N, C-alpha and C. Protein backbone atom coordinates (compact mmCIF):
# COMPACT_ATOMS: atom_id res chain seq x y z
N MET A 1 -19.89 4.98 -21.52
CA MET A 1 -19.14 5.86 -20.64
C MET A 1 -18.71 5.07 -19.41
N SER A 2 -17.45 5.22 -19.04
CA SER A 2 -16.95 4.45 -17.90
C SER A 2 -17.36 5.09 -16.59
N GLN A 3 -17.43 4.25 -15.59
CA GLN A 3 -17.79 4.67 -14.24
C GLN A 3 -16.63 5.46 -13.65
N PRO A 4 -16.88 6.59 -12.97
CA PRO A 4 -15.77 7.31 -12.34
C PRO A 4 -15.14 6.47 -11.22
N ARG A 5 -13.84 6.63 -11.06
CA ARG A 5 -13.13 5.89 -10.02
C ARG A 5 -13.66 6.29 -8.65
N GLN A 6 -13.72 5.32 -7.77
CA GLN A 6 -14.12 5.56 -6.39
C GLN A 6 -13.10 4.91 -5.47
N PRO A 7 -11.91 5.51 -5.34
CA PRO A 7 -10.92 4.89 -4.48
C PRO A 7 -11.37 4.91 -3.02
N PRO A 8 -11.01 3.89 -2.27
CA PRO A 8 -11.36 3.88 -0.85
C PRO A 8 -10.56 4.94 -0.10
N SER A 9 -11.07 5.36 1.05
CA SER A 9 -10.34 6.30 1.89
C SER A 9 -9.88 5.58 3.15
N ILE A 10 -8.72 5.95 3.61
CA ILE A 10 -8.22 5.42 4.88
C ILE A 10 -8.63 6.45 5.93
N ASP A 11 -9.64 6.08 6.73
CA ASP A 11 -10.21 7.01 7.70
C ASP A 11 -9.44 7.03 9.02
N ALA A 12 -8.81 5.90 9.36
CA ALA A 12 -8.07 5.80 10.62
C ALA A 12 -7.08 4.64 10.53
N TYR A 13 -6.07 4.67 11.39
CA TYR A 13 -5.07 3.61 11.44
C TYR A 13 -4.60 3.49 12.87
N GLY A 14 -4.12 2.32 13.23
CA GLY A 14 -3.63 2.07 14.58
C GLY A 14 -4.40 0.93 15.21
N GLY A 15 -3.94 0.50 16.38
CA GLY A 15 -4.58 -0.59 17.07
C GLY A 15 -4.53 -1.90 16.30
N GLY A 16 -3.52 -2.03 15.43
CA GLY A 16 -3.35 -3.26 14.67
C GLY A 16 -4.19 -3.36 13.41
N GLY A 17 -4.70 -2.24 12.92
CA GLY A 17 -5.50 -2.29 11.69
C GLY A 17 -5.82 -0.90 11.17
N PHE A 18 -6.86 -0.84 10.34
CA PHE A 18 -7.24 0.38 9.64
C PHE A 18 -8.76 0.48 9.59
N ARG A 19 -9.27 1.70 9.44
CA ARG A 19 -10.67 1.89 9.07
C ARG A 19 -10.63 2.43 7.64
N VAL A 20 -11.21 1.64 6.73
CA VAL A 20 -11.17 1.96 5.31
C VAL A 20 -12.61 2.20 4.84
N SER A 21 -12.86 3.40 4.36
CA SER A 21 -14.21 3.78 3.90
C SER A 21 -15.27 3.37 4.93
N GLY A 22 -14.96 3.63 6.20
CA GLY A 22 -15.92 3.39 7.27
C GLY A 22 -15.92 2.00 7.86
N GLN A 23 -15.16 1.05 7.31
CA GLN A 23 -15.16 -0.32 7.81
C GLN A 23 -13.81 -0.67 8.41
N ARG A 24 -13.84 -1.26 9.59
CA ARG A 24 -12.62 -1.68 10.27
C ARG A 24 -12.03 -2.91 9.59
N ARG A 25 -10.73 -2.88 9.37
CA ARG A 25 -9.99 -4.01 8.78
C ARG A 25 -8.81 -4.29 9.69
N GLU A 26 -8.75 -5.49 10.23
CA GLU A 26 -7.64 -5.88 11.10
C GLU A 26 -6.42 -6.25 10.27
N GLY A 27 -5.25 -5.97 10.82
CA GLY A 27 -4.01 -6.37 10.19
C GLY A 27 -3.55 -5.40 9.12
N SER A 28 -2.50 -5.80 8.42
CA SER A 28 -1.92 -4.97 7.36
C SER A 28 -2.86 -4.90 6.17
N LEU A 29 -2.63 -3.90 5.32
CA LEU A 29 -3.58 -3.56 4.27
C LEU A 29 -2.87 -3.36 2.93
N LEU A 30 -3.47 -3.91 1.89
CA LEU A 30 -3.02 -3.66 0.52
C LEU A 30 -4.20 -3.07 -0.24
N ILE A 31 -3.97 -1.92 -0.88
CA ILE A 31 -4.98 -1.34 -1.76
C ILE A 31 -4.39 -1.34 -3.16
N LEU A 32 -5.04 -2.09 -4.05
CA LEU A 32 -4.58 -2.23 -5.43
C LEU A 32 -5.79 -2.09 -6.33
N ALA A 33 -5.69 -1.23 -7.34
CA ALA A 33 -6.81 -0.98 -8.26
C ALA A 33 -8.07 -0.62 -7.48
N ASP A 34 -7.91 0.23 -6.48
CA ASP A 34 -9.01 0.74 -5.65
C ASP A 34 -9.71 -0.33 -4.83
N GLU A 35 -9.09 -1.49 -4.67
CA GLU A 35 -9.68 -2.59 -3.89
C GLU A 35 -8.84 -2.85 -2.64
N PRO A 36 -9.39 -2.56 -1.46
CA PRO A 36 -8.66 -2.89 -0.24
C PRO A 36 -8.73 -4.39 0.05
N GLN A 37 -7.61 -4.93 0.52
CA GLN A 37 -7.56 -6.36 0.85
C GLN A 37 -6.58 -6.58 1.99
N SER A 38 -6.77 -7.67 2.70
CA SER A 38 -5.85 -8.02 3.77
C SER A 38 -4.48 -8.31 3.15
N TRP A 39 -3.45 -8.02 3.94
CA TRP A 39 -2.08 -8.20 3.47
C TRP A 39 -1.30 -8.86 4.60
N ALA A 40 -0.54 -9.88 4.31
CA ALA A 40 0.07 -10.73 5.33
C ALA A 40 1.20 -10.10 6.15
N PRO A 41 2.09 -9.27 5.58
CA PRO A 41 3.26 -8.83 6.35
C PRO A 41 2.89 -8.12 7.66
N THR A 42 3.66 -8.44 8.71
CA THR A 42 3.45 -7.81 10.01
C THR A 42 4.63 -6.93 10.41
N SER A 43 5.71 -6.98 9.63
CA SER A 43 6.86 -6.13 9.90
C SER A 43 7.66 -5.93 8.61
N LEU A 44 8.45 -4.89 8.59
CA LEU A 44 9.29 -4.61 7.43
C LEU A 44 10.30 -5.74 7.22
N GLU A 45 10.83 -6.26 8.31
CA GLU A 45 11.83 -7.32 8.23
C GLU A 45 11.27 -8.60 7.62
N ALA A 46 9.97 -8.83 7.81
CA ALA A 46 9.33 -10.05 7.30
C ALA A 46 8.87 -9.92 5.86
N LEU A 47 8.98 -8.73 5.29
CA LEU A 47 8.49 -8.47 3.94
C LEU A 47 9.34 -9.20 2.90
N SER A 48 8.68 -9.86 1.94
CA SER A 48 9.40 -10.55 0.87
C SER A 48 8.77 -10.19 -0.48
N PRO A 49 9.49 -10.42 -1.56
CA PRO A 49 8.92 -10.15 -2.88
C PRO A 49 7.59 -10.87 -3.12
N ALA A 50 7.41 -12.05 -2.53
CA ALA A 50 6.14 -12.78 -2.70
C ALA A 50 4.96 -11.97 -2.17
N ASP A 51 5.20 -11.12 -1.15
CA ASP A 51 4.12 -10.29 -0.62
C ASP A 51 3.67 -9.23 -1.62
N LEU A 52 4.52 -8.92 -2.57
CA LEU A 52 4.20 -7.91 -3.58
C LEU A 52 3.66 -8.53 -4.87
N GLN A 53 3.49 -9.84 -4.90
CA GLN A 53 3.09 -10.51 -6.13
C GLN A 53 1.80 -9.94 -6.74
N PRO A 54 0.78 -9.62 -5.94
CA PRO A 54 -0.42 -9.03 -6.57
C PRO A 54 -0.10 -7.75 -7.35
N ILE A 55 0.83 -6.97 -6.85
CA ILE A 55 1.23 -5.73 -7.54
C ILE A 55 2.07 -6.07 -8.77
N LEU A 56 3.01 -6.98 -8.61
CA LEU A 56 3.89 -7.37 -9.71
C LEU A 56 3.10 -8.03 -10.85
N ASP A 57 1.97 -8.66 -10.53
CA ASP A 57 1.14 -9.29 -11.55
C ASP A 57 0.34 -8.29 -12.38
N HIS A 58 0.23 -7.05 -11.91
CA HIS A 58 -0.58 -6.03 -12.60
C HIS A 58 0.16 -4.69 -12.67
N PRO A 59 1.34 -4.65 -13.26
CA PRO A 59 2.12 -3.41 -13.25
C PRO A 59 1.44 -2.25 -13.98
N ALA A 60 0.59 -2.53 -14.94
CA ALA A 60 -0.08 -1.45 -15.67
C ALA A 60 -1.09 -0.70 -14.79
N ASP A 61 -1.51 -1.33 -13.68
CA ASP A 61 -2.48 -0.70 -12.78
C ASP A 61 -1.83 0.24 -11.77
N VAL A 62 -0.49 0.33 -11.78
CA VAL A 62 0.21 1.00 -10.68
C VAL A 62 1.26 1.97 -11.22
N GLU A 63 1.17 3.24 -10.79
CA GLU A 63 2.24 4.20 -11.08
C GLU A 63 3.43 3.92 -10.16
N PHE A 64 3.12 3.69 -8.89
CA PHE A 64 4.16 3.35 -7.92
C PHE A 64 3.50 2.75 -6.68
N VAL A 65 4.34 2.14 -5.85
CA VAL A 65 3.90 1.54 -4.60
C VAL A 65 4.22 2.51 -3.48
N LEU A 66 3.24 2.77 -2.66
CA LEU A 66 3.42 3.56 -1.45
C LEU A 66 3.47 2.56 -0.30
N LEU A 67 4.65 2.35 0.24
CA LEU A 67 4.87 1.34 1.27
C LEU A 67 4.91 2.00 2.64
N GLY A 68 3.97 1.60 3.51
CA GLY A 68 3.99 2.01 4.90
C GLY A 68 4.79 1.00 5.69
N THR A 69 5.90 1.42 6.26
CA THR A 69 6.88 0.49 6.84
C THR A 69 6.62 0.17 8.32
N GLY A 70 5.49 0.59 8.86
CA GLY A 70 5.19 0.34 10.26
C GLY A 70 5.26 1.61 11.07
N LYS A 71 5.54 1.46 12.36
CA LYS A 71 5.54 2.60 13.28
C LYS A 71 6.62 3.63 12.90
N GLN A 72 7.75 3.15 12.39
CA GLN A 72 8.83 4.04 11.99
C GLN A 72 9.22 3.76 10.54
N GLN A 73 9.76 4.79 9.90
CA GLN A 73 10.25 4.59 8.54
C GLN A 73 11.48 3.70 8.58
N GLY A 74 11.57 2.80 7.60
CA GLY A 74 12.73 1.95 7.47
C GLY A 74 12.96 1.64 6.01
N LEU A 75 14.18 1.31 5.67
CA LEU A 75 14.53 0.97 4.29
C LEU A 75 14.00 -0.43 3.97
N PRO A 76 13.19 -0.56 2.92
CA PRO A 76 12.70 -1.89 2.54
C PRO A 76 13.86 -2.81 2.17
N PRO A 77 13.73 -4.10 2.43
CA PRO A 77 14.78 -5.05 2.08
C PRO A 77 15.15 -4.96 0.59
N LYS A 78 16.41 -5.20 0.30
CA LYS A 78 16.92 -5.10 -1.07
C LYS A 78 16.11 -5.94 -2.07
N PRO A 79 15.70 -7.19 -1.74
CA PRO A 79 14.92 -7.96 -2.72
C PRO A 79 13.59 -7.28 -3.10
N ILE A 80 13.01 -6.53 -2.18
CA ILE A 80 11.77 -5.79 -2.47
C ILE A 80 12.07 -4.69 -3.49
N ARG A 81 13.08 -3.93 -3.21
CA ARG A 81 13.46 -2.82 -4.11
C ARG A 81 13.81 -3.36 -5.50
N GLU A 82 14.54 -4.47 -5.55
CA GLU A 82 14.94 -5.05 -6.83
C GLU A 82 13.76 -5.61 -7.61
N ALA A 83 12.81 -6.24 -6.92
CA ALA A 83 11.64 -6.81 -7.60
C ALA A 83 10.80 -5.71 -8.25
N LEU A 84 10.60 -4.62 -7.53
CA LEU A 84 9.82 -3.51 -8.09
C LEU A 84 10.57 -2.83 -9.22
N GLN A 85 11.87 -2.67 -9.06
CA GLN A 85 12.68 -2.05 -10.11
C GLN A 85 12.64 -2.90 -11.39
N ALA A 86 12.74 -4.21 -11.24
CA ALA A 86 12.70 -5.10 -12.40
C ALA A 86 11.36 -5.00 -13.13
N ALA A 87 10.28 -4.74 -12.37
CA ALA A 87 8.94 -4.60 -12.97
C ALA A 87 8.66 -3.17 -13.42
N ARG A 88 9.65 -2.29 -13.23
CA ARG A 88 9.52 -0.87 -13.59
C ARG A 88 8.38 -0.19 -12.86
N ILE A 89 8.28 -0.53 -11.57
CA ILE A 89 7.28 0.07 -10.69
C ILE A 89 8.04 0.87 -9.65
N GLY A 90 7.67 2.13 -9.50
CA GLY A 90 8.33 2.99 -8.52
C GLY A 90 7.98 2.61 -7.10
N LEU A 91 8.80 3.08 -6.15
CA LEU A 91 8.59 2.79 -4.74
C LEU A 91 8.82 4.05 -3.93
N GLU A 92 7.87 4.38 -3.09
CA GLU A 92 8.01 5.41 -2.08
C GLU A 92 7.73 4.74 -0.75
N PHE A 93 8.54 4.99 0.25
CA PHE A 93 8.33 4.35 1.55
C PHE A 93 8.46 5.37 2.66
N MET A 94 7.66 5.15 3.68
CA MET A 94 7.62 6.02 4.86
C MET A 94 6.88 5.28 5.96
N ASP A 95 6.85 5.86 7.16
CA ASP A 95 6.10 5.20 8.22
C ASP A 95 4.63 5.08 7.79
N THR A 96 3.94 4.12 8.37
CA THR A 96 2.57 3.81 7.94
C THR A 96 1.62 4.99 8.12
N ALA A 97 1.74 5.73 9.21
CA ALA A 97 0.84 6.87 9.43
C ALA A 97 0.97 7.89 8.29
N SER A 98 2.20 8.22 7.92
CA SER A 98 2.42 9.17 6.82
C SER A 98 1.93 8.60 5.50
N ALA A 99 2.19 7.32 5.27
CA ALA A 99 1.77 6.67 4.02
C ALA A 99 0.24 6.66 3.89
N ALA A 100 -0.46 6.41 4.99
CA ALA A 100 -1.93 6.40 4.95
C ALA A 100 -2.46 7.78 4.58
N ARG A 101 -1.90 8.81 5.18
CA ARG A 101 -2.35 10.17 4.86
C ARG A 101 -2.03 10.53 3.41
N LEU A 102 -0.83 10.20 2.95
CA LEU A 102 -0.44 10.51 1.57
C LEU A 102 -1.29 9.72 0.58
N TYR A 103 -1.60 8.47 0.89
CA TYR A 103 -2.47 7.68 0.00
C TYR A 103 -3.78 8.43 -0.25
N ASN A 104 -4.40 8.96 0.79
CA ASN A 104 -5.68 9.65 0.62
C ASN A 104 -5.54 10.84 -0.33
N VAL A 105 -4.46 11.59 -0.19
CA VAL A 105 -4.24 12.74 -1.07
C VAL A 105 -4.06 12.28 -2.52
N LEU A 106 -3.19 11.31 -2.72
CA LEU A 106 -2.91 10.82 -4.08
C LEU A 106 -4.14 10.18 -4.72
N ALA A 107 -4.88 9.40 -3.96
CA ALA A 107 -6.10 8.76 -4.50
C ALA A 107 -7.13 9.82 -4.88
N SER A 108 -7.25 10.87 -4.08
CA SER A 108 -8.22 11.93 -4.39
C SER A 108 -7.82 12.69 -5.65
N GLU A 109 -6.53 12.66 -5.99
CA GLU A 109 -6.03 13.29 -7.22
C GLU A 109 -6.15 12.37 -8.43
N GLY A 110 -6.63 11.15 -8.21
CA GLY A 110 -6.80 10.21 -9.31
C GLY A 110 -5.55 9.43 -9.67
N ARG A 111 -4.55 9.46 -8.80
CA ARG A 111 -3.31 8.72 -9.08
C ARG A 111 -3.54 7.23 -8.93
N ARG A 112 -2.87 6.44 -9.74
CA ARG A 112 -2.96 4.97 -9.69
C ARG A 112 -1.83 4.45 -8.81
N VAL A 113 -2.04 4.58 -7.52
CA VAL A 113 -1.03 4.18 -6.56
C VAL A 113 -1.50 2.92 -5.83
N ALA A 114 -0.58 2.02 -5.60
CA ALA A 114 -0.86 0.86 -4.75
C ALA A 114 -0.35 1.20 -3.36
N ALA A 115 -1.17 1.00 -2.36
CA ALA A 115 -0.77 1.23 -0.97
C ALA A 115 -0.55 -0.12 -0.31
N ALA A 116 0.64 -0.32 0.22
CA ALA A 116 0.99 -1.54 0.94
C ALA A 116 1.39 -1.09 2.34
N LEU A 117 0.48 -1.27 3.31
CA LEU A 117 0.63 -0.65 4.62
C LEU A 117 0.72 -1.69 5.72
N ILE A 118 1.84 -1.70 6.42
CA ILE A 118 2.03 -2.60 7.56
C ILE A 118 1.31 -1.98 8.75
N ALA A 119 0.44 -2.75 9.37
CA ALA A 119 -0.38 -2.26 10.49
C ALA A 119 0.49 -1.85 11.67
N ILE A 120 0.00 -0.81 12.37
CA ILE A 120 0.65 -0.36 13.60
C ILE A 120 -0.35 -0.41 14.74
């Protein structure tokens, strides 16, 4: 019998990082396959397809990417949208605060969502 999923929760955000399942994490955050990890991008403008490589390497683990674009919602650069489309991975984007809250709802529903959140 397999172990039930235990996705991390995003308890807080701001001040340049996140509190994930009770632990403070500085900087931007990537949650993939229920594993939180540091993520390099510091702004939407600096985002490149290489930043999404961990997601692109495991498309079967992801229904879609929930991209937190920072303090305000912004359109992800075209190469980002094209890379995900080519891998047949959906993309939803919104400001980081909204994305963090939505991630918690979707994870609690058992959805296989990757959260890529630019710190605010």
